[in-house]
Amino acid sequence: MLWAICALFLALWLVSMAVSVTLGGFAHLLLIAAIAVILFRVWQTKTTT
């Protein structure tokens, strides 16, 4: 589920970068959110094993 959210954030980031320069701040927020989801998933996986 988290990988799907991450993929969605990355896709939205790519679309917003292609659409307009004015969405640059929003695009970077999506990128940061996607990276946070990936890091959370990796950290969660390591703590459960």
PDB file of N, CA and C in Angstrom:
ATOM      1  N   MET A   1       0.825  -1.199   0.000  1.00  0.00           N
ATOM      2  CA  MET A   1       0.000   0.000   0.000  1.00  0.00           C
ATOM      3  C   MET A   1       0.866   1.258   0.000  1.00  0.00           C
ATOM      4  N   LEU A   2       1.918   1.254   0.817  1.00  0.00           N
ATOM      5  CA  LEU A   2       2.785   2.423   0.851  1.00  0.00           C
ATOM      6  C   LEU A   2       3.525   2.612  -0.466  1.00  0.00           C
ATOM      7  N   TRP A   3       3.854   1.486  -1.134  1.00  0.00           N
ATOM      8  CA  TRP A   3       4.541   1.600  -2.427  1.00  0.00           C
ATOM      9  C   TRP A   3       3.602   2.230  -3.453  1.00  0.00           C
ATOM     10  N   ALA A   4       2.322   1.958  -3.371  1.00  0.00           N
ATOM     11  CA  ALA A   4       1.358   2.562  -4.294  1.00  0.00           C
ATOM     12  C   ALA A   4       1.246   4.066  -4.052  1.00  0.00           C
ATOM     13  N   ILE A   5       1.241   4.456  -2.792  1.00  0.00           N
ATOM     14  CA  ILE A   5       1.196   5.882  -2.461  1.00  0.00           C
ATOM     15  C   ILE A   5       2.456   6.581  -2.957  1.00  0.00           C
ATOM     16  N   CYS A   6       3.581   5.929  -2.777  1.00  0.00           N
ATOM     17  CA  CYS A   6       4.847   6.481  -3.235  1.00  0.00           C
ATOM     18  C   CYS A   6       4.851   6.634  -4.755  1.00  0.00           C
ATOM     19  N   ALA A   7       4.373   5.635  -5.448  1.00  0.00           N
ATOM     20  CA  ALA A   7       4.305   5.704  -6.908  1.00  0.00           C
ATOM     21  C   ALA A   7       3.369   6.820  -7.354  1.00  0.00           C
ATOM     22  N   LEU A   8       2.265   6.997  -6.649  1.00  0.00           N
ATOM     23  CA  LEU A   8       1.333   8.068  -6.968  1.00  0.00           C
ATOM     24  C   LEU A   8       1.987   9.427  -6.776  1.00  0.00           C
ATOM     25  N   PHE A   9       2.691   9.609  -5.660  1.00  0.00           N
ATOM     26  CA  PHE A   9       3.384  10.870  -5.406  1.00  0.00           C
ATOM     27  C   PHE A   9       4.430  11.154  -6.477  1.00  0.00           C
ATOM     28  N   LEU A  10       5.184  10.129  -6.855  1.00  0.00           N
ATOM     29  CA  LEU A  10       6.202  10.325  -7.876  1.00  0.00           C
ATOM     30  C   LEU A  10       5.572  10.656  -9.226  1.00  0.00           C
ATOM     31  N   ALA A  11       4.467  10.001  -9.559  1.00  0.00           N
ATOM     32  CA  ALA A  11       3.780  10.291 -10.817  1.00  0.00           C
ATOM     33  C   ALA A  11       3.230  11.717 -10.820  1.00  0.00           C
ATOM     34  N   LEU A  12       2.636  12.118  -9.719  1.00  0.00           N
ATOM     35  CA  LEU A  12       2.125  13.492  -9.633  1.00  0.00           C
ATOM     36  C   LEU A  12       3.254  14.504  -9.710  1.00  0.00           C
ATOM     37  N   TRP A  13       4.405  14.164  -9.122  1.00  0.00           N
ATOM     38  CA  TRP A  13       5.556  15.048  -9.192  1.00  0.00           C
ATOM     39  C   TRP A  13       6.015  15.218 -10.630  1.00  0.00           C
ATOM     40  N   LEU A  14       6.094  14.109 -11.364  1.00  0.00           N
ATOM     41  CA  LEU A  14       6.515  14.193 -12.765  1.00  0.00           C
ATOM     42  C   LEU A  14       5.524  15.003 -13.596  1.00  0.00           C
ATOM     43  N   VAL A  15       4.241  14.789 -13.366  1.00  0.00           N
ATOM     44  CA  VAL A  15       3.226  15.538 -14.111  1.00  0.00           C
ATOM     45  C   VAL A  15       3.294  17.020 -13.783  1.00  0.00           C
ATOM     46  N   SER A  16       3.435  17.350 -12.515  1.00  0.00           N
ATOM     47  CA  SER A  16       3.455  18.769 -12.138  1.00  0.00           C
ATOM     48  C   SER A  16       4.716  19.466 -12.640  1.00  0.00           C
ATOM     49  N   MET A  17       5.820  18.728 -12.761  1.00  0.00           N
ATOM     50  CA  MET A  17       7.033  19.323 -13.317  1.00  0.00           C
ATOM     51  C   MET A  17       6.863  19.585 -14.812  1.00  0.00           C
ATOM     52  N   ALA A  18       6.126  18.734 -15.491  1.00  0.00           N
ATOM     53  CA  ALA A  18       5.926  18.888 -16.928  1.00  0.00           C
ATOM     54  C   ALA A  18       4.871  19.940 -17.256  1.00  0.00           C
ATOM     55  N   VAL A  19       3.938  20.167 -16.354  1.00  0.00           N
ATOM     56  CA  VAL A  19       2.802  21.046 -16.653  1.00  0.00           C
ATOM     57  C   VAL A  19       3.190  22.521 -16.575  1.00  0.00           C
ATOM     58  N   SER A  20       3.796  22.915 -15.495  1.00  0.00           N
ATOM     59  CA  SER A  20       4.010  24.341 -15.301  1.00  0.00           C
ATOM     60  C   SER A  20       5.142  24.598 -14.324  1.00  0.00           C
ATOM     61  N   VAL A  21       5.796  25.713 -14.540  1.00  0.00           N
ATOM     62  CA  VAL A  21       6.870  26.113 -13.628  1.00  0.00           C
ATOM     63  C   VAL A  21       6.283  26.622 -12.315  1.00  0.00           C
ATOM     64  N   THR A  22       5.063  27.134 -12.343  1.00  0.00           N
ATOM     65  CA  THR A  22       4.458  27.707 -11.141  1.00  0.00           C
ATOM     66  C   THR A  22       4.148  26.648 -10.089  1.00  0.00           C
ATOM     67  N   LEU A  23       4.093  25.393 -10.488  1.00  0.00           N
ATOM     68  CA  LEU A  23       3.826  24.317  -9.534  1.00  0.00           C
ATOM     69  C   LEU A  23       5.111  23.728  -8.953  1.00  0.00           C
ATOM     70  N   GLY A  24       6.209  24.408  -9.136  1.00  0.00           N
ATOM     71  CA  GLY A  24       7.501  23.896  -8.694  1.00  0.00           C
ATOM     72  C   GLY A  24       7.546  23.592  -7.207  1.00  0.00           C
ATOM     73  N   GLY A  25       7.008  24.473  -6.387  1.00  0.00           N
ATOM     74  CA  GLY A  25       7.004  24.248  -4.945  1.00  0.00           C
ATOM     75  C   GLY A  25       6.167  23.045  -4.568  1.00  0.00           C
ATOM     76  N   PHE A  26       5.011  22.915  -5.191  1.00  0.00           N
ATOM     77  CA  PHE A  26       4.140  21.775  -4.932  1.00  0.00           C
ATOM     78  C   PHE A  26       4.799  20.488  -5.395  1.00  0.00           C
ATOM     79  N   ALA A  27       5.486  20.549  -6.519  1.00  0.00           N
ATOM     80  CA  ALA A  27       6.171  19.373  -7.050  1.00  0.00           C
ATOM     81  C   ALA A  27       7.250  18.899  -6.092  1.00  0.00           C
ATOM     82  N   HIS A  28       7.970  19.818  -5.509  1.00  0.00           N
ATOM     83  CA  HIS A  28       9.011  19.423  -4.568  1.00  0.00           C
ATOM     84  C   HIS A  28       8.425  18.860  -3.276  1.00  0.00           C
ATOM     85  N   LEU A  29       7.281  19.365  -2.863  1.00  0.00           N
ATOM     86  CA  LEU A  29       6.615  18.785  -1.696  1.00  0.00           C
ATOM     87  C   LEU A  29       6.203  17.342  -1.962  1.00  0.00           C
ATOM     88  N   LEU A  30       5.723  17.072  -3.172  1.00  0.00           N
ATOM     89  CA  LEU A  30       5.357  15.701  -3.528  1.00  0.00           C
ATOM     90  C   LEU A  30       6.583  14.799  -3.541  1.00  0.00           C
ATOM     91  N   LEU A  31       7.692  15.300  -4.035  1.00  0.00           N
ATOM     92  CA  LEU A  31       8.921  14.518  -4.060  1.00  0.00           C
ATOM     93  C   LEU A  31       9.387  14.207  -2.644  1.00  0.00           C
ATOM     94  N   ILE A  32       9.348  15.180  -1.769  1.00  0.00           N
ATOM     95  CA  ILE A  32       9.744  14.970  -0.372  1.00  0.00           C
ATOM     96  C   ILE A  32       8.821  13.965   0.297  1.00  0.00           C
ATOM     97  N   ALA A  33       7.518  14.052   0.017  1.00  0.00           N
ATOM     98  CA  ALA A  33       6.571  13.103   0.591  1.00  0.00           C
ATOM     99  C   ALA A  33       6.852  11.687   0.093  1.00  0.00           C
ATOM    100  N   ALA A  34       7.168  11.542  -1.184  1.00  0.00           N
ATOM    101  CA  ALA A  34       7.468  10.222  -1.733  1.00  0.00           C
ATOM    102  C   ALA A  34       8.724   9.636  -1.099  1.00  0.00           C
ATOM    103  N   ILE A  35       9.742  10.455  -0.921  1.00  0.00           N
ATOM    104  CA  ILE A  35      10.971   9.982  -0.280  1.00  0.00           C
ATOM    105  C   ILE A  35      10.706   9.604   1.166  1.00  0.00           C
ATOM    106  N   ALA A  36       9.870  10.375   1.854  1.00  0.00           N
ATOM    107  CA  ALA A  36       9.534  10.060   3.240  1.00  0.00           C
ATOM    108  C   ALA A  36       8.807   8.724   3.335  1.00  0.00           C
ATOM    109  N   VAL A  37       7.907   8.455   2.396  1.00  0.00           N
ATOM    110  CA  VAL A  37       7.185   7.184   2.396  1.00  0.00           C
ATOM    111  C   VAL A  37       8.149   6.023   2.168  1.00  0.00           C
ATOM    112  N   ILE A  38       9.085   6.191   1.233  1.00  0.00           N
ATOM    113  CA  ILE A  38      10.071   5.139   0.977  1.00  0.00           C
ATOM    114  C   ILE A  38      10.917   4.884   2.218  1.00  0.00           C
ATOM    115  N   LEU A  39      11.406   5.943   2.838  1.00  0.00           N
ATOM    116  CA  LEU A  39      12.230   5.779   4.036  1.00  0.00           C
ATOM    117  C   LEU A  39      11.451   5.144   5.175  1.00  0.00           C
ATOM    118  N   PHE A  40      10.198   5.538   5.349  1.00  0.00           N
ATOM    119  CA  PHE A  40       9.365   4.939   6.387  1.00  0.00           C
ATOM    120  C   PHE A  40       9.173   3.457   6.137  1.00  0.00           C
ATOM    121  N   ARG A  41       8.946   3.105   4.869  1.00  0.00           N
ATOM    122  CA  ARG A  41       8.741   1.690   4.515  1.00  0.00           C
ATOM    123  C   ARG A  41      10.006   0.868   4.784  1.00  0.00           C
ATOM    124  N   VAL A  42      11.149   1.409   4.419  1.00  0.00           N
ATOM    125  CA  VAL A  42      12.413   0.698   4.650  1.00  0.00           C
ATOM    126  C   VAL A  42      12.659   0.560   6.147  1.00  0.00           C
ATOM    127  N   TRP A  43      12.426   1.612   6.899  1.00  0.00           N
ATOM    128  CA  TRP A  43      12.645   1.575   8.342  1.00  0.00           C
ATOM    129  C   TRP A  43      11.681   0.587   9.002  1.00  0.00           C
ATOM    130  N   GLN A  44      10.429   0.566   8.548  1.00  0.00           N
ATOM    131  CA  GLN A  44       9.427  -0.338   9.102  1.00  0.00           C
ATOM    132  C   GLN A  44       9.796  -1.788   8.809  1.00  0.00           C
ATOM    133  N   THR A  45      10.318  -2.052   7.634  1.00  0.00           N
ATOM    134  CA  THR A  45      10.714  -3.404   7.266  1.00  0.00           C
ATOM    135  C   THR A  45      11.884  -3.896   8.106  1.00  0.00           C
ATOM    136  N   LYS A  46      12.833  -3.015   8.381  1.00  0.00           N
ATOM    137  CA  LYS A  46      14.011  -3.402   9.158  1.00  0.00           C
ATOM    138  C   LYS A  46      13.660  -3.646  10.626  1.00  0.00           C
ATOM    139  N   THR A  47      12.698  -2.924  11.165  1.00  0.00           N
ATOM    140  CA  THR A  47      12.363  -3.086  12.567  1.00  0.00           C
ATOM    141  C   THR A  47      11.496  -4.306  12.832  1.00  0.00           C
ATOM    142  N   THR A  48      10.810  -4.807  11.815  1.00  0.00           N
ATOM    143  CA  THR A  48       9.934  -5.955  12.020  1.00  0.00           C
ATOM    144  C   THR A  48      10.679  -7.274  11.885  1.00  0.00           C
ATOM    145  N   THR A  49      11.858  -7.269  11.296  1.00  0.00           N
ATOM    146  CA  THR A  49      12.599  -8.526  11.126  1.00  0.00           C
ATOM    147  C   THR A  49      13.529  -8.785  12.269  1.00  0.00           C
TER     148      THR A  49
END
